[in-house]
Structures are given as C-alpha cells and as structure tokens.
Amino acid sequence: MVGIGTFYFGPTFVRCPGIVSRENYIHVCSANPNVPRNMLERDFDRLVGAGRSHLDPTNVQAELDEMTAVASNVEHLADRRYAHYDPRGLAAPQPTFTDIGNSLKLFERLILRYKLLLKGAAQTTLLPTFLYDWKDVFRLPWIMDAEPTSEGN
C-alpha cells in the first residue's frame, strides 16, 4: 500500500537483484582512486552480506515489508485527509508524531543505503547541512537606536 511506487525500485530489486552487484558498486566507487579496493569490498560485504555478489531479494522484500508496515497509517492519513479529502474519514487509527518520525527515519535509512549501493554516494543524513554560521545574523543588532537629540534628553 505504501506509495512512491513502493519505494520505486523495490520490486525491481526483488525480481532482479543483480542490478545491485559487487562489481557495479566497486565500479561506481572507483571514481575516487584514493579508496582501496579491499575497503570497497568490505563496505559491500557490510551492506549486502559477506561474500555476496549482489543483493539478497529476501532482504529487499523484508525492507519493503517493514516500510509498508511503518508507513501505512501515515499514507492512509495523507491519502484520506490531506491529498484527497475523503468524506468517509479515516479507516485506520490516526498516526502519532512518533509514527511519522519513524516513517521518515526509515525512509532516510533506506534512501541513504540504496544511494550508496547505486551511486557510491556516502551521506550520513538527508537533512540540509549549513556550511556557514547561520546564527550569526542574530548576534548583530539590526535596528539601531536613534541618535540622542539635544531637545529634552
């Protein structure tokens, strides 16, 4: 039931697990000559299982099932209440903020995992990273007091 094409690639990875292979992973990660092959081999082993040449379709299906279970109430709320107002109301319990947070954390974990496997792009978060001190604007006064006048004060 989870949208986004059930994480778009998920069913394809179950049917064709060879799409994510050790050789492809090493090829896309080899663009950086400073990373030794044995490190890439260890990373792939950590990501898909020691000695495996490609994704295990059973693990991919388990991830899809987990995503469906975690996000189903959130998707139901979005579909019935926000995306399309449905006069029938909700047929499932309304998700809590914790449910929504857990869904987002799971999506982030899966997106980061597959982004690394497919593109060799290692990120730690999908949240924006500020490369400057964004609080600096609050340290300087932006409204200056008017100059004191000689009248009265």
N, C-alpha and C. Protein backbone atom coordinates (compact mmCIF):
# COMPACT_ATOMS: atom_id res chain seq x y z
N MET A 1 0.82 -1.20 0.00
CA MET A 1 0.00 0.00 0.00
C MET A 1 0.86 1.26 0.00
N VAL A 2 2.08 1.21 0.45
CA VAL A 2 2.91 2.40 0.53
C VAL A 2 3.16 2.95 -0.86
N GLY A 3 2.98 4.26 -1.01
CA GLY A 3 3.14 4.92 -2.29
C GLY A 3 4.58 5.06 -2.70
N ILE A 4 4.83 6.11 -3.43
CA ILE A 4 6.14 6.38 -4.00
C ILE A 4 6.60 5.15 -4.78
N GLY A 5 5.65 4.55 -5.49
CA GLY A 5 5.96 3.37 -6.28
C GLY A 5 6.55 2.26 -5.43
N THR A 6 6.05 2.14 -4.20
CA THR A 6 6.63 1.23 -3.20
C THR A 6 8.13 1.36 -3.24
N PHE A 7 8.52 2.60 -2.98
CA PHE A 7 9.93 2.97 -2.94
C PHE A 7 10.54 2.79 -4.32
N TYR A 8 9.70 2.87 -5.32
CA TYR A 8 10.01 2.88 -6.73
C TYR A 8 10.81 1.68 -7.20
N PHE A 9 12.02 1.50 -6.72
CA PHE A 9 12.85 0.42 -7.24
C PHE A 9 12.65 -0.91 -6.51
N GLY A 10 12.05 -0.89 -5.34
CA GLY A 10 11.96 -2.08 -4.51
C GLY A 10 11.56 -3.35 -5.22
N PRO A 11 10.39 -3.39 -5.88
CA PRO A 11 10.00 -4.62 -6.55
C PRO A 11 10.99 -5.05 -7.64
N THR A 12 11.61 -4.09 -8.30
CA THR A 12 12.60 -4.43 -9.33
C THR A 12 13.80 -5.12 -8.70
N PHE A 13 14.22 -4.64 -7.52
CA PHE A 13 15.37 -5.24 -6.85
C PHE A 13 15.03 -6.66 -6.37
N VAL A 14 13.77 -6.90 -6.04
CA VAL A 14 13.37 -8.25 -5.62
C VAL A 14 13.42 -9.19 -6.82
N ARG A 15 12.89 -8.73 -7.97
CA ARG A 15 12.87 -9.58 -9.17
C ARG A 15 14.24 -9.71 -9.82
N CYS A 16 15.03 -8.64 -9.80
CA CYS A 16 16.33 -8.62 -10.48
C CYS A 16 17.42 -8.12 -9.53
N PRO A 17 17.79 -8.92 -8.54
CA PRO A 17 18.75 -8.46 -7.54
C PRO A 17 20.14 -8.18 -8.10
N GLY A 18 20.45 -8.72 -9.28
CA GLY A 18 21.76 -8.49 -9.89
C GLY A 18 22.00 -7.05 -10.31
N ILE A 19 20.93 -6.23 -10.30
CA ILE A 19 21.09 -4.81 -10.64
C ILE A 19 22.08 -4.16 -9.69
N VAL A 20 22.01 -4.54 -8.43
CA VAL A 20 22.95 -4.02 -7.43
C VAL A 20 23.98 -5.11 -7.18
N SER A 21 25.08 -5.02 -7.90
CA SER A 21 26.11 -6.05 -7.80
C SER A 21 27.39 -5.50 -7.18
N ARG A 22 28.21 -6.40 -6.71
CA ARG A 22 29.51 -6.04 -6.15
C ARG A 22 30.34 -5.31 -7.19
N GLU A 23 30.37 -5.82 -8.42
CA GLU A 23 31.19 -5.20 -9.47
C GLU A 23 30.71 -3.79 -9.81
N ASN A 24 29.39 -3.61 -9.89
CA ASN A 24 28.87 -2.27 -10.16
C ASN A 24 29.22 -1.33 -9.02
N TYR A 25 29.07 -1.79 -7.78
CA TYR A 25 29.39 -0.95 -6.63
C TYR A 25 30.86 -0.53 -6.66
N ILE A 26 31.74 -1.47 -6.91
CA ILE A 26 33.17 -1.17 -6.95
C ILE A 26 33.48 -0.24 -8.12
N HIS A 27 32.78 -0.43 -9.23
CA HIS A 27 33.00 0.44 -10.40
C HIS A 27 32.60 1.89 -10.09
N VAL A 28 31.41 2.10 -9.52
CA VAL A 28 30.98 3.48 -9.27
C VAL A 28 31.81 4.13 -8.16
N CYS A 29 32.29 3.32 -7.21
CA CYS A 29 33.09 3.88 -6.11
C CYS A 29 34.55 4.07 -6.51
N SER A 30 34.98 3.43 -7.58
CA SER A 30 36.38 3.52 -8.01
C SER A 30 36.72 4.87 -8.64
N ALA A 31 35.72 5.70 -8.80
CA ALA A 31 35.98 7.04 -9.35
C ALA A 31 36.95 7.79 -8.46
N ASN A 32 36.96 7.44 -7.18
CA ASN A 32 37.90 8.04 -6.23
C ASN A 32 39.09 7.08 -6.09
N PRO A 33 40.22 7.41 -6.70
CA PRO A 33 41.37 6.49 -6.68
C PRO A 33 42.01 6.34 -5.30
N ASN A 34 41.64 7.19 -4.35
CA ASN A 34 42.21 7.11 -3.01
C ASN A 34 41.57 6.03 -2.14
N VAL A 35 40.50 5.42 -2.62
CA VAL A 35 39.82 4.39 -1.84
C VAL A 35 40.30 3.03 -2.36
N PRO A 36 40.99 2.27 -1.50
CA PRO A 36 41.49 0.96 -1.95
C PRO A 36 40.36 -0.04 -2.18
N ARG A 37 40.56 -0.93 -3.12
CA ARG A 37 39.54 -1.92 -3.49
C ARG A 37 39.13 -2.77 -2.28
N ASN A 38 40.09 -3.16 -1.44
CA ASN A 38 39.72 -4.01 -0.30
C ASN A 38 38.76 -3.29 0.65
N MET A 39 38.83 -1.97 0.74
CA MET A 39 37.89 -1.21 1.56
C MET A 39 36.50 -1.24 0.93
N LEU A 40 36.45 -1.13 -0.40
CA LEU A 40 35.17 -1.20 -1.10
C LEU A 40 34.55 -2.59 -0.95
N GLU A 41 35.38 -3.61 -1.00
CA GLU A 41 34.90 -4.99 -0.82
C GLU A 41 34.28 -5.15 0.57
N ARG A 42 34.96 -4.64 1.59
CA ARG A 42 34.44 -4.72 2.96
C ARG A 42 33.13 -3.95 3.10
N ASP A 43 33.06 -2.78 2.47
CA ASP A 43 31.83 -1.99 2.54
C ASP A 43 30.66 -2.75 1.91
N PHE A 44 30.90 -3.34 0.75
CA PHE A 44 29.84 -4.09 0.08
C PHE A 44 29.41 -5.27 0.95
N ASP A 45 30.38 -5.97 1.55
CA ASP A 45 30.05 -7.08 2.46
C ASP A 45 29.18 -6.59 3.61
N ARG A 46 29.49 -5.42 4.15
CA ARG A 46 28.72 -4.87 5.26
C ARG A 46 27.30 -4.50 4.81
N LEU A 47 27.17 -4.02 3.58
CA LEU A 47 25.88 -3.55 3.09
C LEU A 47 24.95 -4.68 2.64
N VAL A 48 25.50 -5.74 2.03
CA VAL A 48 24.62 -6.78 1.48
C VAL A 48 24.90 -8.18 2.03
N GLY A 49 25.99 -8.36 2.77
CA GLY A 49 26.30 -9.66 3.32
C GLY A 49 27.65 -10.14 2.84
N ALA A 50 28.39 -10.75 3.73
CA ALA A 50 29.75 -11.19 3.42
C ALA A 50 29.76 -12.18 2.27
N GLY A 51 30.60 -11.90 1.29
CA GLY A 51 30.80 -12.80 0.16
C GLY A 51 29.71 -12.78 -0.89
N ARG A 52 28.65 -12.02 -0.69
CA ARG A 52 27.56 -12.00 -1.69
C ARG A 52 27.99 -11.17 -2.90
N SER A 53 27.51 -11.57 -4.07
CA SER A 53 27.84 -10.84 -5.29
C SER A 53 26.77 -9.82 -5.65
N HIS A 54 25.60 -9.92 -5.02
CA HIS A 54 24.51 -8.99 -5.29
C HIS A 54 23.55 -8.96 -4.10
N LEU A 55 22.55 -8.12 -4.19
CA LEU A 55 21.54 -8.01 -3.13
C LEU A 55 20.82 -9.34 -2.93
N ASP A 56 20.42 -9.58 -1.70
CA ASP A 56 19.59 -10.75 -1.41
C ASP A 56 18.13 -10.30 -1.54
N PRO A 57 17.38 -10.89 -2.48
CA PRO A 57 15.99 -10.46 -2.67
C PRO A 57 15.14 -10.63 -1.41
N THR A 58 15.48 -11.58 -0.56
CA THR A 58 14.74 -11.77 0.69
C THR A 58 14.91 -10.56 1.59
N ASN A 59 16.13 -10.00 1.66
CA ASN A 59 16.37 -8.82 2.48
C ASN A 59 15.65 -7.59 1.91
N VAL A 60 15.65 -7.48 0.59
CA VAL A 60 14.96 -6.34 -0.05
C VAL A 60 13.47 -6.43 0.26
N GLN A 61 12.90 -7.63 0.14
CA GLN A 61 11.47 -7.80 0.43
C GLN A 61 11.18 -7.48 1.88
N ALA A 62 12.08 -7.87 2.78
CA ALA A 62 11.89 -7.56 4.21
C ALA A 62 11.90 -6.05 4.43
N GLU A 63 12.77 -5.33 3.72
CA GLU A 63 12.81 -3.86 3.84
C GLU A 63 11.51 -3.25 3.31
N LEU A 64 11.01 -3.78 2.19
CA LEU A 64 9.74 -3.29 1.65
C LEU A 64 8.58 -3.56 2.61
N ASP A 65 8.59 -4.75 3.20
CA ASP A 65 7.53 -5.09 4.16
C ASP A 65 7.59 -4.19 5.39
N GLU A 66 8.81 -3.92 5.87
CA GLU A 66 8.98 -3.03 7.02
C GLU A 66 8.48 -1.63 6.69
N MET A 67 8.82 -1.16 5.49
CA MET A 67 8.39 0.17 5.09
C MET A 67 6.87 0.24 4.99
N THR A 68 6.28 -0.80 4.43
CA THR A 68 4.82 -0.84 4.32
C THR A 68 4.17 -0.82 5.70
N ALA A 69 4.71 -1.61 6.61
CA ALA A 69 4.14 -1.67 7.96
C ALA A 69 4.28 -0.35 8.70
N VAL A 70 5.44 0.27 8.59
CA VAL A 70 5.71 1.50 9.34
C VAL A 70 4.95 2.69 8.76
N ALA A 71 4.82 2.74 7.44
CA ALA A 71 4.27 3.93 6.80
C ALA A 71 2.79 3.82 6.41
N SER A 72 2.16 2.68 6.61
CA SER A 72 0.79 2.51 6.11
C SER A 72 -0.19 3.50 6.75
N ASN A 73 -0.11 3.71 8.07
CA ASN A 73 -1.02 4.66 8.71
C ASN A 73 -0.77 6.09 8.26
N VAL A 74 0.50 6.42 8.04
CA VAL A 74 0.84 7.77 7.59
C VAL A 74 0.31 7.98 6.17
N GLU A 75 0.50 6.99 5.32
CA GLU A 75 0.00 7.09 3.95
C GLU A 75 -1.53 7.19 3.94
N HIS A 76 -2.17 6.41 4.78
CA HIS A 76 -3.64 6.43 4.85
C HIS A 76 -4.15 7.81 5.25
N LEU A 77 -3.50 8.40 6.25
CA LEU A 77 -3.88 9.75 6.69
C LEU A 77 -3.68 10.74 5.55
N ALA A 78 -2.53 10.70 4.90
CA ALA A 78 -2.26 11.64 3.82
C ALA A 78 -3.26 11.48 2.68
N ASP A 79 -3.59 10.23 2.36
CA ASP A 79 -4.49 9.98 1.25
C ASP A 79 -5.93 10.37 1.57
N ARG A 80 -6.38 10.06 2.77
CA ARG A 80 -7.78 10.31 3.12
C ARG A 80 -8.06 11.72 3.64
N ARG A 81 -7.05 12.38 4.20
CA ARG A 81 -7.30 13.65 4.84
C ARG A 81 -6.67 14.82 4.10
N TYR A 82 -5.45 14.67 3.60
CA TYR A 82 -4.73 15.83 3.07
C TYR A 82 -4.65 15.85 1.54
N ALA A 83 -4.28 14.77 0.92
CA ALA A 83 -4.16 14.76 -0.54
C ALA A 83 -5.54 14.80 -1.20
N HIS A 84 -6.47 14.02 -0.67
CA HIS A 84 -7.84 13.96 -1.20
C HIS A 84 -8.76 13.87 0.00
N TYR A 85 -9.49 14.91 0.26
CA TYR A 85 -10.38 14.85 1.42
C TYR A 85 -11.46 13.81 1.15
N ASP A 86 -11.51 12.81 1.99
CA ASP A 86 -12.45 11.71 1.81
C ASP A 86 -13.53 11.82 2.89
N PRO A 87 -14.79 12.00 2.49
CA PRO A 87 -15.86 12.16 3.49
C PRO A 87 -16.04 10.93 4.37
N ARG A 88 -15.53 9.77 3.96
CA ARG A 88 -15.65 8.57 4.79
C ARG A 88 -14.78 8.66 6.04
N GLY A 89 -13.82 9.57 6.04
CA GLY A 89 -12.93 9.70 7.19
C GLY A 89 -11.86 8.62 7.19
N LEU A 90 -11.20 8.51 8.33
CA LEU A 90 -10.11 7.55 8.45
C LEU A 90 -10.63 6.17 8.80
N ALA A 91 -10.09 5.15 8.13
CA ALA A 91 -10.45 3.77 8.43
C ALA A 91 -9.40 3.12 9.33
N ALA A 92 -8.31 3.82 9.56
CA ALA A 92 -7.24 3.31 10.42
C ALA A 92 -6.96 4.36 11.50
N PRO A 93 -6.32 3.96 12.59
CA PRO A 93 -6.00 4.94 13.62
C PRO A 93 -5.10 6.05 13.08
N GLN A 94 -5.35 7.26 13.56
CA GLN A 94 -4.53 8.38 13.11
C GLN A 94 -3.11 8.21 13.65
N PRO A 95 -2.10 8.37 12.78
CA PRO A 95 -0.72 8.19 13.25
C PRO A 95 -0.30 9.30 14.21
N THR A 96 0.59 8.95 15.10
CA THR A 96 1.14 9.92 16.05
C THR A 96 2.37 10.56 15.41
N PHE A 97 2.88 11.60 16.07
CA PHE A 97 4.11 12.22 15.58
C PHE A 97 5.26 11.20 15.61
N THR A 98 5.23 10.30 16.56
CA THR A 98 6.25 9.25 16.63
C THR A 98 6.16 8.34 15.41
N ASP A 99 4.93 7.99 15.01
CA ASP A 99 4.75 7.17 13.81
C ASP A 99 5.31 7.87 12.57
N ILE A 100 5.02 9.15 12.47
CA ILE A 100 5.51 9.92 11.31
C ILE A 100 7.03 10.01 11.36
N GLY A 101 7.58 10.29 12.54
CA GLY A 101 9.04 10.35 12.68
C GLY A 101 9.70 9.03 12.34
N ASN A 102 9.12 7.92 12.80
CA ASN A 102 9.69 6.61 12.50
C ASN A 102 9.65 6.32 11.00
N SER A 103 8.57 6.73 10.34
CA SER A 103 8.48 6.55 8.89
C SER A 103 9.58 7.33 8.18
N LEU A 104 9.76 8.57 8.59
CA LEU A 104 10.79 9.40 7.96
C LEU A 104 12.19 8.84 8.20
N LYS A 105 12.45 8.36 9.41
CA LYS A 105 13.77 7.78 9.72
C LYS A 105 14.03 6.54 8.88
N LEU A 106 13.01 5.70 8.72
CA LEU A 106 13.17 4.50 7.91
C LEU A 106 13.41 4.87 6.45
N PHE A 107 12.62 5.81 5.91
CA PHE A 107 12.84 6.25 4.53
C PHE A 107 14.25 6.78 4.35
N GLU A 108 14.70 7.60 5.29
CA GLU A 108 16.05 8.16 5.19
C GLU A 108 17.09 7.04 5.18
N ARG A 109 16.95 6.08 6.09
CA ARG A 109 17.93 4.98 6.16
C ARG A 109 17.97 4.21 4.84
N LEU A 110 16.79 3.91 4.28
CA LEU A 110 16.76 3.14 3.04
C LEU A 110 17.28 3.96 1.85
N ILE A 111 16.92 5.22 1.79
CA ILE A 111 17.41 6.07 0.70
C ILE A 111 18.93 6.18 0.75
N LEU A 112 19.47 6.40 1.94
CA LEU A 112 20.93 6.51 2.06
C LEU A 112 21.62 5.20 1.70
N ARG A 113 21.03 4.08 2.11
CA ARG A 113 21.60 2.77 1.80
C ARG A 113 21.66 2.52 0.30
N TYR A 114 20.53 2.75 -0.38
CA TYR A 114 20.49 2.47 -1.81
C TYR A 114 21.22 3.52 -2.63
N LYS A 115 21.29 4.72 -2.14
CA LYS A 115 22.09 5.74 -2.82
C LYS A 115 23.57 5.34 -2.79
N LEU A 116 24.01 4.81 -1.66
CA LEU A 116 25.39 4.33 -1.56
C LEU A 116 25.61 3.13 -2.48
N LEU A 117 24.68 2.19 -2.48
CA LEU A 117 24.84 0.99 -3.31
C LEU A 117 24.81 1.31 -4.81
N LEU A 118 23.96 2.23 -5.21
CA LEU A 118 23.78 2.51 -6.64
C LEU A 118 24.74 3.56 -7.19
N LYS A 119 25.05 4.56 -6.38
CA LYS A 119 25.85 5.68 -6.89
C LYS A 119 27.19 5.84 -6.18
N GLY A 120 27.40 5.08 -5.12
CA GLY A 120 28.64 5.23 -4.36
C GLY A 120 28.69 6.53 -3.58
N ALA A 121 27.54 7.13 -3.35
CA ALA A 121 27.46 8.42 -2.66
C ALA A 121 27.19 8.18 -1.18
N ALA A 122 28.18 8.41 -0.36
CA ALA A 122 28.04 8.20 1.08
C ALA A 122 27.62 9.49 1.76
N GLN A 123 26.45 9.47 2.34
CA GLN A 123 25.94 10.59 3.13
C GLN A 123 25.54 10.05 4.48
N THR A 124 25.50 10.91 5.47
CA THR A 124 25.06 10.48 6.79
C THR A 124 23.63 10.90 7.08
N THR A 125 23.11 11.86 6.33
CA THR A 125 21.75 12.35 6.55
C THR A 125 21.22 12.98 5.27
N LEU A 126 19.91 13.07 5.19
CA LEU A 126 19.28 13.79 4.08
C LEU A 126 18.93 15.22 4.48
N LEU A 127 19.15 15.53 5.76
CA LEU A 127 18.87 16.88 6.24
C LEU A 127 19.89 17.87 5.67
N PRO A 128 19.51 19.12 5.50
CA PRO A 128 20.46 20.09 4.99
C PRO A 128 21.61 20.33 5.97
N THR A 129 22.75 20.61 5.42
CA THR A 129 23.93 20.89 6.24
C THR A 129 24.34 22.34 5.99
N PHE A 130 24.37 23.13 7.05
CA PHE A 130 24.74 24.53 6.91
C PHE A 130 26.26 24.63 6.91
N LEU A 131 26.80 25.27 5.90
CA LEU A 131 28.25 25.42 5.78
C LEU A 131 28.72 26.78 6.26
N TYR A 132 27.85 27.46 6.94
CA TYR A 132 28.18 28.77 7.48
C TYR A 132 27.48 28.90 8.83
N ASP A 133 27.84 29.89 9.58
CA ASP A 133 27.23 30.12 10.89
C ASP A 133 25.91 30.87 10.68
N TRP A 134 24.82 30.12 10.58
CA TRP A 134 23.53 30.74 10.29
C TRP A 134 23.01 31.56 11.47
N LYS A 135 23.55 31.37 12.66
CA LYS A 135 23.11 32.13 13.83
C LYS A 135 23.77 33.50 13.89
N ASP A 136 24.74 33.74 13.04
CA ASP A 136 25.48 35.00 13.07
C ASP A 136 24.57 36.21 12.91
N VAL A 137 23.52 36.11 12.13
CA VAL A 137 22.63 37.25 11.92
C VAL A 137 21.94 37.68 13.21
N PHE A 138 21.86 36.79 14.20
CA PHE A 138 21.21 37.13 15.45
C PHE A 138 22.17 37.77 16.46
N ARG A 139 23.43 37.82 16.12
CA ARG A 139 24.42 38.38 17.04
C ARG A 139 24.67 39.87 16.81
N LEU A 140 24.17 40.38 15.73
CA LEU A 140 24.35 41.80 15.40
C LEU A 140 23.01 42.52 15.48
N PRO A 141 22.99 43.69 16.10
CA PRO A 141 21.72 44.41 16.15
C PRO A 141 21.34 44.90 14.75
N TRP A 142 20.10 44.72 14.40
CA TRP A 142 19.67 45.14 13.07
C TRP A 142 18.82 46.41 13.12
N ILE A 143 18.39 46.81 14.32
CA ILE A 143 17.71 48.10 14.48
C ILE A 143 18.57 48.91 15.45
N MET A 144 19.10 49.98 14.95
CA MET A 144 19.97 50.82 15.76
C MET A 144 19.12 51.86 16.48
N ASP A 145 19.52 52.18 17.70
CA ASP A 145 18.84 53.23 18.44
C ASP A 145 19.11 54.56 17.73
N ALA A 146 18.11 55.43 17.76
CA ALA A 146 18.27 56.74 17.14
C ALA A 146 19.26 57.55 17.94
N GLU A 147 19.96 58.44 17.26
CA GLU A 147 20.91 59.31 17.94
C GLU A 147 20.19 60.19 18.95
N PRO A 148 20.73 60.36 20.13
CA PRO A 148 20.06 61.24 21.10
C PRO A 148 20.04 62.70 20.59
N THR A 149 18.94 63.33 20.84
CA THR A 149 18.80 64.73 20.40
C THR A 149 19.11 65.66 21.55
N SER A 150 19.37 66.91 21.23
CA SER A 150 19.67 67.88 22.28
C SER A 150 18.40 68.41 22.92
N GLU A 151 17.23 68.03 22.39
CA GLU A 151 15.96 68.51 22.94
C GLU A 151 15.52 67.61 24.09
N GLY A 152 15.47 68.11 25.22
CA GLY A 152 14.88 67.41 26.35
C GLY A 152 15.73 66.33 26.97
N ASN A 153 16.31 65.45 26.30
CA ASN A 153 17.05 64.34 26.91
C ASN A 153 18.50 64.48 26.65
